[in-house]
Amino acid sequence: MAASILYPGTFDPITNGHADIVRRAARLFERVVVAIAANPGKTPAFSLEQRVAMARATLKDIANAEVLGFAELTVAFARKHNVRAILRGLRAVSDFEFEFQLAAMNRHLGPDVETIFMTPAEEFTFISSSLVREIAALGGDVAQFVHPAVMNELRKLQKH
């Protein structure tokens, strides 16, 4: 089993698709660091603290998964945590161009850090954080797409 892998993202909020990728990566790596980006440029719906808390609740049953927030270059964060591989999820061909560009930039910034891609299980390929937020904001039921702790936070957003 390989040492550690970093799974970075905004996770606004974490979905069952993200959790599926973490769960499967946890079988391949000794440690999976789920790195939640502050990413203020995206103006996330949830604060970094909320997103970290939701991810921890969602992934609490995965013993070798660790959730941390960060606000620096992904490759710098990876190096700081002694991680030499970055995990990225690909749901559809439409994700590929952006993810390929990101992987190339990370390779340029940190040639010692590799990027590995995983696809979620088929039942999660259509789920995205932005779709979940939009459906929830319009009063739709997203309970099948997220952990109950995330559902509770989405309900709080609806009330505002």
Foldseek 3Di string as FASTA:
>chain_A
DAEEEEEEDQPLPPWVQNLQVVQVVLVVYQAYEDEHEQPCVVVRPDGQVLRQVQVCVQNVVRVRYHYYYDHDDPLVVCVVVVHQEYEYEDLDPVVPVVVVVVQVVSCVVPVSHHYDYDYGPPVQSVDDSVVLLVCLLVPHDCPVIGPVSVVVVSVVSNVD
